[in-house]
C-alpha atoms as a PDB file:
ATOM      1  CA  UNK A   1      98.335  23.453 -43.247  1.00  0.00           C
ATOM      2  CA  UNK A   2      96.769  26.841 -43.740  1.00  0.00           C
ATOM      3  CA  UNK A   3      97.472  30.429 -43.133  1.00  0.00           C
ATOM      4  CA  UNK A   4      94.801  32.302 -41.406  1.00  0.00           C
ATOM      5  CA  UNK A   5      94.511  36.272 -41.809  1.00  0.00           C
ATOM      6  CA  UNK A   6      92.527  38.317 -39.418  1.00  0.00           C
ATOM      7  CA  UNK A   7      91.817  41.187 -37.733  1.00  0.00           C
ATOM      8  CA  UNK A   8      90.275  41.701 -34.441  1.00  0.00           C
ATOM      9  CA  UNK A   9      86.893  41.869 -35.839  1.00  0.00           C
ATOM     10  CA  UNK A  10      86.969  39.249 -38.553  1.00  0.00           C
ATOM     11  CA  UNK A  11      88.639  36.400 -40.344  1.00  0.00           C
ATOM     12  CA  UNK A  12      89.878  37.886 -43.819  1.00  0.00           C
ATOM     13  CA  UNK A  13      91.085  34.603 -45.274  1.00  0.00           C
ATOM     14  CA  UNK A  14      92.046  31.216 -44.966  1.00  0.00           C
ATOM     15  CA  UNK A  15      94.335  30.115 -47.091  1.00  0.00           C
ATOM     16  CA  UNK A  16      94.763  26.094 -47.561  1.00  0.00           C
ATOM     17  CA  UNK A  17      98.156  25.051 -49.157  1.00  0.00           C
ATOM     18  CA  UNK A  18      97.922  22.301 -51.395  1.00  0.00           C
ATOM     19  CA  UNK A  19      99.453  19.051 -50.825  1.00  0.00           C
ATOM     20  CA  UNK A  20     103.213  18.490 -51.104  1.00  0.00           C
ATOM     21  CA  UNK A  21     103.901  22.518 -51.707  1.00  0.00           C
ATOM     22  CA  UNK A  22     106.354  24.188 -49.948  1.00  0.00           C
ATOM     23  CA  UNK A  23     106.148  28.058 -48.706  1.00  0.00           C
ATOM     24  CA  UNK A  24     108.341  29.180 -50.853  1.00  0.00           C
ATOM     25  CA  UNK A  25     108.675  33.548 -51.478  1.00  0.00           C
ATOM     26  CA  UNK A  26     106.433  33.287 -54.169  1.00  0.00           C
ATOM     27  CA  UNK A  27     103.890  31.261 -52.962  1.00  0.00           C
ATOM     28  CA  UNK A  28     103.762  33.524 -49.871  1.00  0.00           C
ATOM     29  CA  UNK A  29     103.774  36.838 -51.814  1.00  0.00           C
ATOM     30  CA  UNK A  30     100.604  35.521 -53.802  1.00  0.00           C
ATOM     31  CA  UNK A  31      98.852  34.683 -50.401  1.00  0.00           C
ATOM     32  CA  UNK A  32      99.555  38.580 -49.412  1.00  0.00           C
ATOM     33  CA  UNK A  33      98.066  39.252 -53.268  1.00  0.00           C
ATOM     34  CA  UNK A  34      95.027  36.981 -52.238  1.00  0.00           C
ATOM     35  CA  UNK A  35      94.781  38.767 -48.651  1.00  0.00           C
ATOM     36  CA  UNK A  36      94.744  42.280 -50.102  1.00  0.00           C
ATOM     37  CA  UNK A  37      91.585  40.946 -52.716  1.00  0.00           C
ATOM     38  CA  UNK A  38      90.394  39.986 -49.213  1.00  0.00           C
ATOM     39  CA  UNK A  39      90.410  43.321 -47.567  1.00  0.00           C
ATOM     40  CA  UNK A  40      89.387  45.189 -50.668  1.00  0.00           C
ATOM     41  CA  UNK A  41      85.733  42.526 -50.362  1.00  0.00           C
ATOM     42  CA  UNK A  42      85.276  42.225 -46.773  1.00  0.00           C
ATOM     43  CA  UNK A  43      86.843  45.386 -44.997  1.00  0.00           C
ATOM     44  CA  UNK A  44      87.692  48.267 -47.655  1.00  0.00           C
ATOM     45  CA  UNK A  45      87.143  50.994 -45.490  1.00  0.00           C
ATOM     46  CA  UNK A  46      90.711  49.560 -43.552  1.00  0.00           C
ATOM     47  CA  UNK A  47      92.367  50.320 -46.732  1.00  0.00           C
ATOM     48  CA  UNK A  48      92.773  54.164 -45.532  1.00  0.00           C
ATOM     49  CA  UNK A  49      94.857  52.846 -42.681  1.00  0.00           C
ATOM     50  CA  UNK A  50      98.195  50.965 -42.864  1.00  0.00           C
ATOM     51  CA  UNK A  51      97.821  47.379 -42.306  1.00  0.00           C
ATOM     52  CA  UNK A  52     100.357  45.726 -40.184  1.00  0.00           C
ATOM     53  CA  UNK A  53     101.176  41.988 -40.506  1.00  0.00           C
ATOM     54  CA  UNK A  54     103.123  39.846 -37.695  1.00  0.00           C
ATOM     55  CA  UNK A  55     104.994  37.301 -39.228  1.00  0.00           C
ATOM     56  CA  UNK A  56     108.440  35.799 -38.034  1.00  0.00           C
ATOM     57  CA  UNK A  57     111.733  35.530 -39.965  1.00  0.00           C
ATOM     58  CA  UNK A  58     111.418  32.779 -41.780  1.00  0.00           C
ATOM     59  CA  UNK A  59     112.686  32.737 -45.678  1.00  0.00           C
ATOM     60  CA  UNK A  60     109.992  33.125 -47.248  1.00  0.00           C
ATOM     61  CA  UNK A  61     109.178  36.196 -45.537  1.00  0.00           C
ATOM     62  CA  UNK A  62     112.711  37.437 -46.086  1.00  0.00           C
ATOM     63  CA  UNK A  63     112.568  36.541 -49.866  1.00  0.00           C
ATOM     64  CA  UNK A  64     112.621  39.096 -52.979  1.00  0.00           C
ATOM     65  CA  UNK A  65     109.319  38.602 -54.318  1.00  0.00           C
ATOM     66  CA  UNK A  66     107.844  38.623 -50.781  1.00  0.00           C
ATOM     67  CA  UNK A  67     109.337  42.070 -49.760  1.00  0.00           C
ATOM     68  CA  UNK A  68     108.126  42.996 -53.115  1.00  0.00           C
ATOM     69  CA  UNK A  69     104.661  41.836 -52.402  1.00  0.00           C
ATOM     70  CA  UNK A  70     104.463  43.687 -49.130  1.00  0.00           C
ATOM     71  CA  UNK A  71     105.551  46.987 -51.190  1.00  0.00           C
ATOM     72  CA  UNK A  72     102.795  46.615 -53.851  1.00  0.00           C
ATOM     73  CA  UNK A  73     100.047  45.684 -51.230  1.00  0.00           C
ATOM     74  CA  UNK A  74     101.238  48.619 -48.844  1.00  0.00           C
ATOM     75  CA  UNK A  75     101.059  46.204 -45.574  1.00  0.00           C
ATOM     76  CA  UNK A  76     103.654  46.867 -43.384  1.00  0.00           C
END
């Protein structure tokens, strides 16, 4: 499985999940950290604006680790 993060201009990150790994809160939080690094590398000017993420309410997206990662990365 892969997770793809993009904006209107460019694909920011393609995160390929290792075989036999489940998407849990810590894995998703790590993906958000990788996304922040990718935004800093590819679209630094976008960091002055609030980045909105659209995701469903899967347990990994509601975990404490993921919520902390959202606050740390300043994604909304």
